[in-house]
């Protein structure tokens, strides 16, 4: 199992280049740039890194066809691939942070993503594309300059329907906030879907988004984890049911607004929710605390590896240099 690093949405191209070269020098696999409605363009963010690096994969996470036509996604993706000499990747999503800011919904998003994947996987510098879909159309498309090894196309998938779509059309899938027990079941189902689609699991990539908050200052780490807790599985029941009691899950769901308020106010103060529950959530669905928690993080990562992940996408937050250094010097060597 390899390690990717997800940079936060505020990262500039200059910072991405510096941090990405750290990632490359530590021998990690790749770098993802976060895509939010208020962030820099995720393709642009990686441009300097694409030019200055030599080995790592790099790409945006996540881009949805409801925010950008698949043809424009293709132009940006294959240009990044050209700049990096065939090392680009992308995670296609159904529409999240960006589409919400744009006031767009998720109506029929599976069909829209299916057409987007078909377009991206069908691109060739040698054959002209004429695609007439229900949602998207592309005529006379032939990027003769796109001669590098094609980019890896992932789909963000947490549910059976999108998982099956991934196994039919994508190079891999990325789940979000799955604990090891859920991940094991999902990987087994993914392999079954691949077999049903007539594909081998040997060359299909499976990853999981996971939050990293561990730092030398344990109190700062916990404050950061509390602030970001709303984003863990968007507090969906399936993500927390493996380790919370049913009444705790209900309480969490009933107080979703309190978690959201903390995130929007960028504060660690989550009103009306007991610390005992908050700590239990943080402990099980992220890596948080001081340096004494690194060994626990390594053991959890080994469980993800045993579950069948080919890589894991670790999201760093404040002080990303410190967090990447810890991962590169203490975590990655222990997993090899």
Protein backbone atom coordinates (compact mmCIF):
# COMPACT_ATOMS: atom_id res chain seq x y z
CA UNK A 1 0.00 0.00 0.00
CA UNK A 2 1.39 3.36 -1.07
CA UNK A 3 0.69 6.82 0.37
CA UNK A 4 -0.69 9.92 -1.34
CA UNK A 5 -0.88 13.34 0.30
CA UNK A 6 -3.90 15.63 -0.14
CA UNK A 7 -3.00 19.31 0.13
CA UNK A 8 -5.52 21.76 1.57
CA UNK A 9 -7.62 24.09 -0.52
CA UNK A 10 -5.56 27.17 0.33
CA UNK A 11 -2.29 25.85 -1.10
CA UNK A 12 -0.67 28.09 -3.72
CA UNK A 13 1.24 26.74 -6.75
CA UNK A 14 4.51 27.73 -5.08
CA UNK A 15 3.58 25.97 -1.83
CA UNK A 16 2.33 22.92 -3.74
CA UNK A 17 5.67 22.67 -5.53
CA UNK A 18 7.60 22.88 -2.25
CA UNK A 19 5.38 20.41 -0.41
CA UNK A 20 5.11 18.10 -3.40
CA UNK A 21 8.87 17.84 -3.73
CA UNK A 22 8.98 16.90 -0.03
CA UNK A 23 6.48 14.15 -0.80
CA UNK A 24 8.58 12.97 -3.74
CA UNK A 25 11.83 13.00 -1.76
CA UNK A 26 10.25 10.84 0.96
CA UNK A 27 9.29 8.25 -1.67
CA UNK A 28 5.54 8.68 -1.35
CA UNK A 29 3.36 8.01 -4.39
CA UNK A 30 1.48 11.19 -5.18
CA UNK A 31 -0.09 14.55 -4.39
CA UNK A 32 -3.74 15.59 -4.68
CA UNK A 33 -4.93 19.20 -4.76
CA UNK A 34 -8.26 19.84 -3.04
CA UNK A 35 -11.04 21.40 -5.11
CA UNK A 36 -13.41 23.76 -3.28
CA UNK A 37 -15.61 26.60 -4.45
CA UNK A 38 -13.33 29.12 -2.75
CA UNK A 39 -9.98 27.47 -3.57
CA UNK A 40 -7.42 28.13 -6.27
CA UNK A 41 -7.97 26.11 -9.43
CA UNK A 42 -6.73 22.58 -8.57
CA UNK A 43 -5.07 22.04 -11.96
CA UNK A 44 -3.28 25.41 -11.80
CA UNK A 45 -2.15 24.67 -8.25
CA UNK A 46 -0.19 21.66 -9.46
CA UNK A 47 1.42 23.25 -12.54
CA UNK A 48 4.76 24.16 -10.96
CA UNK A 49 4.99 20.80 -9.21
CA UNK A 50 4.27 18.99 -12.48
CA UNK A 51 7.19 20.75 -14.12
CA UNK A 52 9.67 20.47 -11.23
CA UNK A 53 9.00 16.91 -10.05
CA UNK A 54 10.05 13.72 -11.80
CA UNK A 55 8.33 10.73 -10.22
CA UNK A 56 5.20 11.42 -8.19
CA UNK A 57 1.63 11.26 -9.46
CA UNK A 58 -0.39 14.45 -9.15
CA UNK A 59 -3.96 15.52 -9.76
CA UNK A 60 -7.10 17.32 -8.56
CA UNK A 61 -9.64 15.90 -6.09
CA UNK A 62 -12.51 16.03 -6.89
CA UNK A 63 -13.85 17.50 -10.13
CA UNK A 64 -17.47 16.97 -11.14
CA UNK A 65 -18.99 17.22 -14.62
CA UNK A 66 -21.81 19.36 -13.20
CA UNK A 67 -19.24 22.11 -12.55
CA UNK A 68 -17.15 21.69 -15.71
CA UNK A 69 -17.97 20.07 -19.06
CA UNK A 70 -16.06 16.79 -19.59
CA UNK A 71 -14.31 18.25 -22.64
CA UNK A 72 -12.87 21.08 -20.52
CA UNK A 73 -11.92 18.59 -17.80
CA UNK A 74 -10.14 16.58 -20.49
CA UNK A 75 -8.20 19.58 -21.81
CA UNK A 76 -7.02 20.53 -18.32
CA UNK A 77 -6.22 16.97 -17.28
CA UNK A 78 -4.32 16.03 -20.41
CA UNK A 79 -2.44 19.34 -20.31
CA UNK A 80 -1.35 18.52 -16.74
CA UNK A 81 -0.42 15.06 -17.96
CA UNK A 82 1.62 16.59 -20.78
CA UNK A 83 3.41 18.94 -18.37
CA UNK A 84 4.27 16.06 -16.02
CA UNK A 85 5.26 13.60 -18.77
CA UNK A 86 2.43 11.17 -18.08
CA UNK A 87 2.05 11.38 -14.28
CA UNK A 88 -1.35 13.04 -13.95
CA UNK A 89 -4.40 11.61 -12.22
CA UNK A 90 -7.85 12.87 -11.34
CA UNK A 91 -10.71 11.95 -9.06
CA UNK A 92 -14.07 12.55 -10.68
CA UNK A 93 -16.89 13.26 -8.24
CA UNK A 94 -20.64 13.51 -8.37
CA UNK A 95 -20.76 17.11 -7.21
CA UNK A 96 -19.92 18.38 -3.76
CA UNK A 97 -18.34 21.52 -2.39
CA UNK A 98 -18.02 23.34 -5.72
CA UNK A 99 -21.45 22.47 -7.08
CA UNK A 100 -23.05 23.55 -3.80
CA UNK A 101 -21.39 26.96 -4.05
CA UNK A 102 -22.66 27.18 -7.63
CA UNK A 103 -26.18 26.36 -6.48
CA UNK A 104 -26.28 23.12 -8.45
CA UNK A 105 -27.79 19.90 -7.19
CA UNK A 106 -26.93 16.24 -7.69
CA UNK A 107 -29.88 15.27 -9.88
CA UNK A 108 -29.05 12.23 -12.02
CA UNK A 109 -25.38 12.61 -11.13
CA UNK A 110 -24.62 8.92 -11.78
CA UNK A 111 -25.60 9.26 -15.43
CA UNK A 112 -23.59 12.46 -15.77
CA UNK A 113 -20.51 10.88 -14.20
CA UNK A 114 -20.89 7.79 -16.40
CA UNK A 115 -20.77 9.95 -19.52
CA UNK A 116 -17.83 11.92 -18.14
CA UNK A 117 -15.86 8.73 -17.49
CA UNK A 118 -16.69 7.39 -20.95
CA UNK A 119 -15.41 10.60 -22.53
CA UNK A 120 -12.21 10.76 -20.48
CA UNK A 121 -11.38 7.09 -21.02
CA UNK A 122 -12.19 7.32 -24.72
CA UNK A 123 -9.75 10.11 -25.56
CA UNK A 124 -7.01 9.28 -28.06
CA UNK A 125 -4.47 11.35 -30.00
CA UNK A 126 -5.00 9.00 -32.94
CA UNK A 127 -8.78 8.70 -33.25
CA UNK A 128 -11.35 11.47 -33.45
CA UNK A 129 -14.06 11.38 -30.79
CA UNK A 130 -17.69 11.99 -31.62
CA UNK A 131 -19.71 11.38 -28.47
CA UNK A 132 -23.43 11.98 -28.27
CA UNK A 133 -24.65 11.41 -24.74
CA UNK A 134 -27.83 12.36 -22.97
CA UNK A 135 -26.06 15.01 -20.89
CA UNK A 136 -22.81 15.77 -22.72
CA UNK A 137 -21.72 15.88 -26.34
CA UNK A 138 -18.26 16.05 -27.89
CA UNK A 139 -17.66 16.30 -31.63
CA UNK A 140 -14.44 16.26 -33.64
CA UNK A 141 -12.22 15.93 -30.57
CA UNK A 142 -8.70 14.68 -31.32
CA UNK A 143 -5.91 16.04 -29.07
CA UNK A 144 -2.94 15.01 -31.19
CA UNK A 145 -0.58 16.48 -28.59
CA UNK A 146 -1.76 14.10 -25.83
CA UNK A 147 0.80 11.37 -26.54
CA UNK A 148 2.02 10.58 -23.01
CA UNK A 149 0.82 7.59 -21.02
CA UNK A 150 -2.84 8.40 -20.25
CA UNK A 151 -3.67 9.82 -16.80
CA UNK A 152 -5.23 7.65 -14.12
CA UNK A 153 -8.98 8.24 -13.80
CA UNK A 154 -10.49 7.61 -10.36
CA UNK A 155 -14.09 7.96 -9.26
CA UNK A 156 -15.06 9.00 -5.75
CA UNK A 157 -17.25 6.13 -4.62
CA UNK A 158 -18.75 5.32 -1.22
CA UNK A 159 -21.84 3.38 -2.31
CA UNK A 160 -22.65 0.20 -4.28
CA UNK A 161 -24.05 1.91 -7.38
CA UNK A 162 -21.05 4.21 -7.83
CA UNK A 163 -18.70 1.36 -6.94
CA UNK A 164 -20.08 -0.74 -9.79
CA UNK A 165 -19.73 2.23 -12.14
CA UNK A 166 -16.10 2.62 -11.09
CA UNK A 167 -15.30 -1.02 -11.76
CA UNK A 168 -16.77 -0.78 -15.26
CA UNK A 169 -15.25 2.49 -16.43
CA UNK A 170 -12.51 3.89 -14.16
CA UNK A 171 -8.91 2.99 -13.37
CA UNK A 172 -9.67 3.08 -9.67
CA UNK A 173 -11.94 4.38 -6.93
CA UNK A 174 -11.47 6.43 -3.80
CA UNK A 175 -13.67 6.11 -0.75
CA UNK A 176 -13.81 8.65 2.05
CA UNK A 177 -13.59 8.13 5.81
CA UNK A 178 -14.08 4.36 5.72
CA UNK A 179 -12.75 2.71 8.89
CA UNK A 180 -10.80 -0.54 8.31
CA UNK A 181 -13.75 -2.88 8.91
CA UNK A 182 -15.91 -1.02 6.38
CA UNK A 183 -12.99 -0.86 3.97
CA UNK A 184 -12.48 -4.62 4.03
CA UNK A 185 -16.11 -5.25 3.09
CA UNK A 186 -16.00 -2.59 0.38
CA UNK A 187 -12.80 -3.96 -1.18
CA UNK A 188 -14.25 -7.47 -1.27
CA UNK A 189 -17.38 -6.16 -2.98
CA UNK A 190 -15.23 -4.16 -5.41
CA UNK A 191 -13.28 -7.26 -6.41
CA UNK A 192 -16.56 -9.10 -6.99
CA UNK A 193 -17.81 -6.22 -9.16
CA UNK A 194 -14.57 -6.27 -11.16
CA UNK A 195 -14.97 -9.97 -11.80
CA UNK A 196 -18.56 -9.44 -12.92
CA UNK A 197 -17.34 -6.71 -15.29
CA UNK A 198 -14.70 -9.04 -16.74
CA UNK A 199 -11.81 -7.08 -15.27
CA UNK A 200 -8.86 -8.13 -13.14
CA UNK A 201 -8.35 -6.65 -9.69
CA UNK A 202 -4.58 -6.68 -10.22
CA UNK A 203 -4.47 -3.36 -12.07
CA UNK A 204 -7.41 -1.60 -10.38
CA UNK A 205 -6.53 1.04 -7.79
CA UNK A 206 -8.45 1.36 -4.50
CA UNK A 207 -7.80 4.23 -2.10
CA UNK A 208 -9.43 5.86 0.92
CA UNK A 209 -9.42 9.50 2.02
CA UNK A 210 -8.24 9.76 5.64
CA UNK A 211 -7.63 12.81 7.83
CA UNK A 212 -4.26 13.38 9.52
CA UNK A 213 -4.02 15.81 12.44
CA UNK A 214 -1.10 14.37 14.44
CA UNK A 215 1.52 16.94 15.35
CA UNK A 216 3.99 17.71 18.11
CA UNK A 217 1.48 19.99 19.83
CA UNK A 218 -1.19 17.50 20.92
CA UNK A 219 -3.67 20.17 22.02
CA UNK A 220 -3.40 21.98 18.68
CA UNK A 221 -3.96 18.66 16.94
CA UNK A 222 -7.18 17.96 18.83
CA UNK A 223 -8.46 21.48 18.21
CA UNK A 224 -7.83 21.00 14.49
CA UNK A 225 -9.56 17.61 14.49
CA UNK A 226 -12.60 19.02 16.31
CA UNK A 227 -12.84 21.91 13.85
CA UNK A 228 -12.82 19.53 10.88
CA UNK A 229 -15.01 16.81 12.40
CA UNK A 230 -18.12 17.88 10.46
CA UNK A 231 -16.40 16.77 7.25
CA UNK A 232 -15.78 13.21 8.37
CA UNK A 233 -18.23 11.29 6.26
CA UNK A 234 -20.45 14.39 6.50
CA UNK A 235 -21.54 12.66 9.74
CA UNK A 236 -23.24 9.87 7.80
CA UNK A 237 -24.51 6.97 9.87
CA UNK A 238 -22.67 4.24 7.93
CA UNK A 239 -19.26 5.75 8.73
CA UNK A 240 -19.79 5.95 12.49
CA UNK A 241 -21.98 2.89 13.14
CA UNK A 242 -18.97 0.54 13.41
CA UNK A 243 -17.74 2.24 16.60
CA UNK A 244 -20.60 4.32 18.04
CA UNK A 245 -23.61 2.98 19.91
CA UNK A 246 -26.99 3.48 18.18
CA UNK A 247 -28.00 6.20 20.65
CA UNK A 248 -24.68 7.97 20.06
CA UNK A 249 -25.21 7.89 16.30
CA UNK A 250 -28.68 9.36 16.75
CA UNK A 251 -27.35 12.09 19.04
CA UNK A 252 -24.64 12.92 16.52
CA UNK A 253 -27.16 13.14 13.68
CA UNK A 254 -29.52 15.27 15.79
CA UNK A 255 -26.68 17.73 16.45
CA UNK A 256 -25.32 17.98 12.92
CA UNK A 257 -25.87 21.75 12.94
CA UNK A 258 -23.61 22.12 15.97
CA UNK A 259 -20.78 20.33 14.16
CA UNK A 260 -21.43 22.45 11.07
CA UNK A 261 -21.35 25.66 13.12
CA UNK A 262 -17.91 24.76 14.47
CA UNK A 263 -16.59 24.14 10.98
CA UNK A 264 -18.06 27.33 9.53
CA UNK A 265 -16.71 29.40 12.42
CA UNK A 266 -13.33 27.64 12.18
CA UNK A 267 -13.42 26.84 15.88
CA UNK A 268 -12.81 23.73 17.97
CA UNK A 269 -15.83 24.55 20.12
CA UNK A 270 -18.70 22.19 19.25
CA UNK A 271 -21.66 23.35 21.26
CA UNK A 272 -24.18 21.01 22.91
CA UNK A 273 -22.10 17.87 22.22
CA UNK A 274 -20.25 16.15 25.10
CA UNK A 275 -16.47 15.87 24.84
CA UNK A 276 -16.68 12.13 25.47
CA UNK A 277 -18.59 11.61 22.22
CA UNK A 278 -16.40 14.04 20.26
CA UNK A 279 -13.23 12.31 21.43
CA UNK A 280 -14.62 8.90 20.53
CA UNK A 281 -15.45 10.11 17.03
CA UNK A 282 -12.05 11.71 16.48
CA UNK A 283 -10.16 8.70 17.80
CA UNK A 284 -11.84 6.30 15.40
CA UNK A 285 -12.24 8.27 12.17
CA UNK A 286 -9.00 10.27 11.94
CA UNK A 287 -5.42 10.38 13.18
CA UNK A 288 -5.14 12.96 15.96
CA UNK A 289 -3.10 13.77 19.04
CA UNK A 290 0.57 14.12 19.84
CA UNK A 291 3.58 12.18 18.62
CA UNK A 292 2.66 9.29 20.91
CA UNK A 293 -0.21 8.53 18.52
CA UNK A 294 2.01 7.73 15.55
CA UNK A 295 2.34 4.05 16.46
CA UNK A 296 -1.46 3.76 16.64
CA UNK A 297 -1.71 5.43 13.24
CA UNK A 298 0.77 2.95 11.78
CA UNK A 299 -1.25 0.01 13.13
CA UNK A 300 -4.44 1.42 11.60
CA UNK A 301 -2.68 1.91 8.26
CA UNK A 302 -1.54 -1.71 8.38
CA UNK A 303 -5.19 -2.69 8.81
CA UNK A 304 -6.06 -0.65 5.73
CA UNK A 305 -3.28 -2.42 3.86
CA UNK A 306 -4.58 -5.81 4.97
CA UNK A 307 -8.07 -4.76 3.86
CA UNK A 308 -6.76 -4.51 0.30
CA UNK A 309 -6.03 -0.85 -0.35
CA UNK A 310 -3.46 -0.20 -3.08
CA UNK A 311 -2.87 3.28 -1.66
CA UNK A 312 -4.30 5.66 0.94
CA UNK A 313 -4.87 9.39 0.46
CA UNK A 314 -3.91 11.23 3.64
CA UNK A 315 -5.31 14.74 4.05
CA UNK A 316 -2.95 17.12 5.84
CA UNK A 317 -4.20 20.35 7.40
CA UNK A 318 -2.46 23.15 9.31
CA UNK A 319 1.36 23.05 9.30
CA UNK A 320 1.48 20.64 6.33
CA UNK A 321 5.29 20.60 6.28
CA UNK A 322 5.37 19.16 9.81
CA UNK A 323 2.70 16.60 8.99
CA UNK A 324 4.36 15.47 5.74
CA UNK A 325 7.69 15.18 7.58
CA UNK A 326 6.13 12.91 10.22
CA UNK A 327 4.50 10.75 7.56
CA UNK A 328 7.61 10.57 5.42
CA UNK A 329 10.11 9.89 8.21
CA UNK A 330 8.12 7.83 10.72
CA UNK A 331 5.07 6.32 9.03
CA UNK A 332 6.13 5.39 5.51
CA UNK A 333 9.28 3.45 6.57
CA UNK A 334 7.17 1.39 8.99
CA UNK A 335 4.78 0.34 6.22
CA UNK A 336 7.42 -0.93 3.81
